[in-house]
C-alpha atoms as a PDB file:
ATOM      1  CA  UNK A   1     127.816  33.205  83.909  1.00  0.00           C
ATOM      2  CA  UNK A   2     131.163  33.972  82.278  1.00  0.00           C
ATOM      3  CA  UNK A   3     133.885  35.290  84.457  1.00  0.00           C
ATOM      4  CA  UNK A   4     136.285  37.983  83.295  1.00  0.00           C
ATOM      5  CA  UNK A   5     139.517  36.351  82.053  1.00  0.00           C
ATOM      6  CA  UNK A   6     142.336  38.934  82.517  1.00  0.00           C
ATOM      7  CA  UNK A   7     144.865  36.859  80.571  1.00  0.00           C
ATOM      8  CA  UNK A   8     142.503  36.606  77.576  1.00  0.00           C
ATOM      9  CA  UNK A   9     141.764  40.321  77.730  1.00  0.00           C
ATOM     10  CA  UNK A  10     145.489  41.168  77.765  1.00  0.00           C
ATOM     11  CA  UNK A  11     146.202  38.896  74.866  1.00  0.00           C
ATOM     12  CA  UNK A  12     143.297  40.366  72.869  1.00  0.00           C
ATOM     13  CA  UNK A  13     144.196  43.929  73.600  1.00  0.00           C
ATOM     14  CA  UNK A  14     147.891  43.413  72.744  1.00  0.00           C
ATOM     15  CA  UNK A  15     146.804  41.753  69.430  1.00  0.00           C
ATOM     16  CA  UNK A  16     144.443  44.494  68.465  1.00  0.00           C
ATOM     17  CA  UNK A  17     147.059  47.199  69.369  1.00  0.00           C
ATOM     18  CA  UNK A  18     149.729  45.511  67.332  1.00  0.00           C
ATOM     19  CA  UNK A  19     147.387  45.521  64.296  1.00  0.00           C
ATOM     20  CA  UNK A  20     146.303  49.164  64.847  1.00  0.00           C
ATOM     21  CA  UNK A  21     150.080  50.371  65.228  1.00  0.00           C
ATOM     22  CA  UNK A  22     152.052  48.897  62.391  1.00  0.00           C
ATOM     23  CA  UNK A  23     154.770  51.520  62.835  1.00  0.00           C
ATOM     24  CA  UNK A  24     156.206  53.832  65.583  1.00  0.00           C
ATOM     25  CA  UNK A  25     153.873  55.218  68.127  1.00  0.00           C
ATOM     26  CA  UNK A  26     154.058  57.691  70.902  1.00  0.00           C
ATOM     27  CA  UNK A  27     152.106  57.570  74.172  1.00  0.00           C
ATOM     28  CA  UNK A  28     151.609  60.130  77.007  1.00  0.00           C
ATOM     29  CA  UNK A  29     151.891  58.557  80.338  1.00  0.00           C
ATOM     30  CA  UNK A  30     151.121  60.423  83.497  1.00  0.00           C
ATOM     31  CA  UNK A  31     152.014  57.580  85.882  1.00  0.00           C
ATOM     32  CA  UNK A  32     148.363  57.033  86.760  1.00  0.00           C
ATOM     33  CA  UNK A  33     146.680  53.759  86.440  1.00  0.00           C
ATOM     34  CA  UNK A  34     144.901  54.318  83.162  1.00  0.00           C
ATOM     35  CA  UNK A  35     147.811  55.722  81.118  1.00  0.00           C
ATOM     36  CA  UNK A  36     150.327  53.206  82.680  1.00  0.00           C
ATOM     37  CA  UNK A  37     148.111  50.211  81.748  1.00  0.00           C
ATOM     38  CA  UNK A  38     147.646  51.675  78.224  1.00  0.00           C
ATOM     39  CA  UNK A  39     151.413  52.097  77.903  1.00  0.00           C
ATOM     40  CA  UNK A  40     152.161  48.678  79.156  1.00  0.00           C
ATOM     41  CA  UNK A  41     149.736  47.047  76.675  1.00  0.00           C
ATOM     42  CA  UNK A  42     151.100  49.267  73.877  1.00  0.00           C
ATOM     43  CA  UNK A  43     154.595  48.366  74.656  1.00  0.00           C
ATOM     44  CA  UNK A  44     153.744  44.593  74.766  1.00  0.00           C
ATOM     45  CA  UNK A  45     152.130  45.112  71.309  1.00  0.00           C
ATOM     46  CA  UNK A  46     154.893  46.965  69.515  1.00  0.00           C
ATOM     47  CA  UNK A  47     157.906  46.825  71.737  1.00  0.00           C
ATOM     48  CA  UNK A  48     160.747  49.297  71.158  1.00  0.00           C
ATOM     49  CA  UNK A  49     158.695  51.145  68.421  1.00  0.00           C
ATOM     50  CA  UNK A  50     156.763  52.754  71.275  1.00  0.00           C
ATOM     51  CA  UNK A  51     158.054  55.974  72.839  1.00  0.00           C
ATOM     52  CA  UNK A  52     156.570  56.618  76.324  1.00  0.00           C
ATOM     53  CA  UNK A  53     156.526  60.282  77.175  1.00  0.00           C
ATOM     54  CA  UNK A  54     156.054  61.865  80.671  1.00  0.00           C
ATOM     55  CA  UNK A  55     155.451  65.609  80.733  1.00  0.00           C
ATOM     56  CA  UNK A  56     156.712  67.315  84.028  1.00  0.00           C
ATOM     57  CA  UNK A  57     154.336  70.378  84.166  1.00  0.00           C
ATOM     58  CA  UNK A  58     155.921  71.520  87.445  1.00  0.00           C
ATOM     59  CA  UNK A  59     152.517  71.139  89.085  1.00  0.00           C
ATOM     60  CA  UNK A  60     153.135  67.611  90.507  1.00  0.00           C
ATOM     61  CA  UNK A  61     153.701  66.712  94.109  1.00  0.00           C
ATOM     62  CA  UNK A  62     157.367  66.858  95.448  1.00  0.00           C
ATOM     63  CA  UNK A  63     159.296  63.885  94.120  1.00  0.00           C
ATOM     64  CA  UNK A  64     156.517  62.705  91.763  1.00  0.00           C
ATOM     65  CA  UNK A  65     158.510  62.965  88.566  1.00  0.00           C
ATOM     66  CA  UNK A  66     161.248  60.732  89.977  1.00  0.00           C
ATOM     67  CA  UNK A  67     158.664  58.315  91.316  1.00  0.00           C
ATOM     68  CA  UNK A  68     156.964  58.060  87.892  1.00  0.00           C
ATOM     69  CA  UNK A  69     160.410  57.763  86.168  1.00  0.00           C
ATOM     70  CA  UNK A  70     161.385  54.833  88.404  1.00  0.00           C
ATOM     71  CA  UNK A  71     158.011  53.148  88.123  1.00  0.00           C
ATOM     72  CA  UNK A  72     157.843  53.291  84.370  1.00  0.00           C
ATOM     73  CA  UNK A  73     161.455  52.142  84.166  1.00  0.00           C
ATOM     74  CA  UNK A  74     160.611  49.117  86.214  1.00  0.00           C
ATOM     75  CA  UNK A  75     157.848  48.376  83.688  1.00  0.00           C
ATOM     76  CA  UNK A  76     160.454  48.594  80.902  1.00  0.00           C
ATOM     77  CA  UNK A  77     158.882  51.578  79.342  1.00  0.00           C
ATOM     78  CA  UNK A  78     162.098  53.758  79.422  1.00  0.00           C
ATOM     79  CA  UNK A  79     160.211  57.056  79.516  1.00  0.00           C
ATOM     80  CA  UNK A  80     161.308  60.281  77.834  1.00  0.00           C
ATOM     81  CA  UNK A  81     160.816  62.893  80.618  1.00  0.00           C
ATOM     82  CA  UNK A  82     160.061  66.390  79.226  1.00  0.00           C
ATOM     83  CA  UNK A  83     160.537  69.218  81.717  1.00  0.00           C
ATOM     84  CA  UNK A  84     158.032  71.672  80.479  1.00  0.00           C
ATOM     85  CA  UNK A  85     157.445  73.381  83.854  1.00  0.00           C
ATOM     86  CA  UNK A  86     158.666  76.797  82.736  1.00  0.00           C
ATOM     87  CA  UNK A  87     156.359  76.753  79.755  1.00  0.00           C
ATOM     88  CA  UNK A  88     153.296  75.648  81.905  1.00  0.00           C
ATOM     89  CA  UNK A  89     154.111  78.344  84.573  1.00  0.00           C
ATOM     90  CA  UNK A  90     154.340  81.001  81.978  1.00  0.00           C
ATOM     91  CA  UNK A  91     151.123  79.987  80.255  1.00  0.00           C
ATOM     92  CA  UNK A  92     149.247  79.839  83.653  1.00  0.00           C
ATOM     93  CA  UNK A  93     150.587  83.177  84.782  1.00  0.00           C
ATOM     94  CA  UNK A  94     147.623  85.310  85.930  1.00  0.00           C
ATOM     95  CA  UNK A  95     145.021  82.612  85.109  1.00  0.00           C
ATOM     96  CA  UNK A  96     142.681  82.245  88.057  1.00  0.00           C
ATOM     97  CA  UNK A  97     139.463  80.724  86.806  1.00  0.00           C
ATOM     98  CA  UNK A  98     139.490  76.833  87.169  1.00  0.00           C
ATOM     99  CA  UNK A  99     138.018  76.014  83.754  1.00  0.00           C
ATOM    100  CA  UNK A 100     140.375  78.484  82.051  1.00  0.00           C
ATOM    101  CA  UNK A 101     143.269  76.772  83.814  1.00  0.00           C
ATOM    102  CA  UNK A 102     142.137  73.367  82.490  1.00  0.00           C
ATOM    103  CA  UNK A 103     141.947  74.716  79.049  1.00  0.00           C
ATOM    104  CA  UNK A 104     145.398  76.249  79.241  1.00  0.00           C
ATOM    105  CA  UNK A 105     146.931  73.058  80.621  1.00  0.00           C
ATOM    106  CA  UNK A 106     145.277  70.933  77.935  1.00  0.00           C
ATOM    107  CA  UNK A 107     146.504  73.250  75.213  1.00  0.00           C
ATOM    108  CA  UNK A 108     150.038  73.196  76.624  1.00  0.00           C
ATOM    109  CA  UNK A 109     150.053  69.348  76.629  1.00  0.00           C
ATOM    110  CA  UNK A 110     149.216  69.566  72.924  1.00  0.00           C
ATOM    111  CA  UNK A 111     152.016  72.124  72.229  1.00  0.00           C
ATOM    112  CA  UNK A 112     154.575  70.057  74.138  1.00  0.00           C
ATOM    113  CA  UNK A 113     153.749  67.047  72.050  1.00  0.00           C
ATOM    114  CA  UNK A 114     153.938  68.921  68.801  1.00  0.00           C
END
């Protein structure tokens, strides 16, 4: 039985990412586990050619944006914080149905990154 080797996994992932991203790249990072791990691995692979972006939708918990900014900074990701709260609030005005809200939020993330 082979045990999972995290160091080997990290080295392999960083090598694969470095080959897949020969130039500059941008990554969205919410501050959650999945996107933060992805951002750290990508940063190890391509260093300062990576731009880490956190979008403040205005829908976060009180103080969450500052917490995420601090955490990502400690991980040397130097995030670009985009305050798109007014755009999200405007797009969500009058939208009540949960699935429609999810669609609007997803579309807004795409527009912010464009």
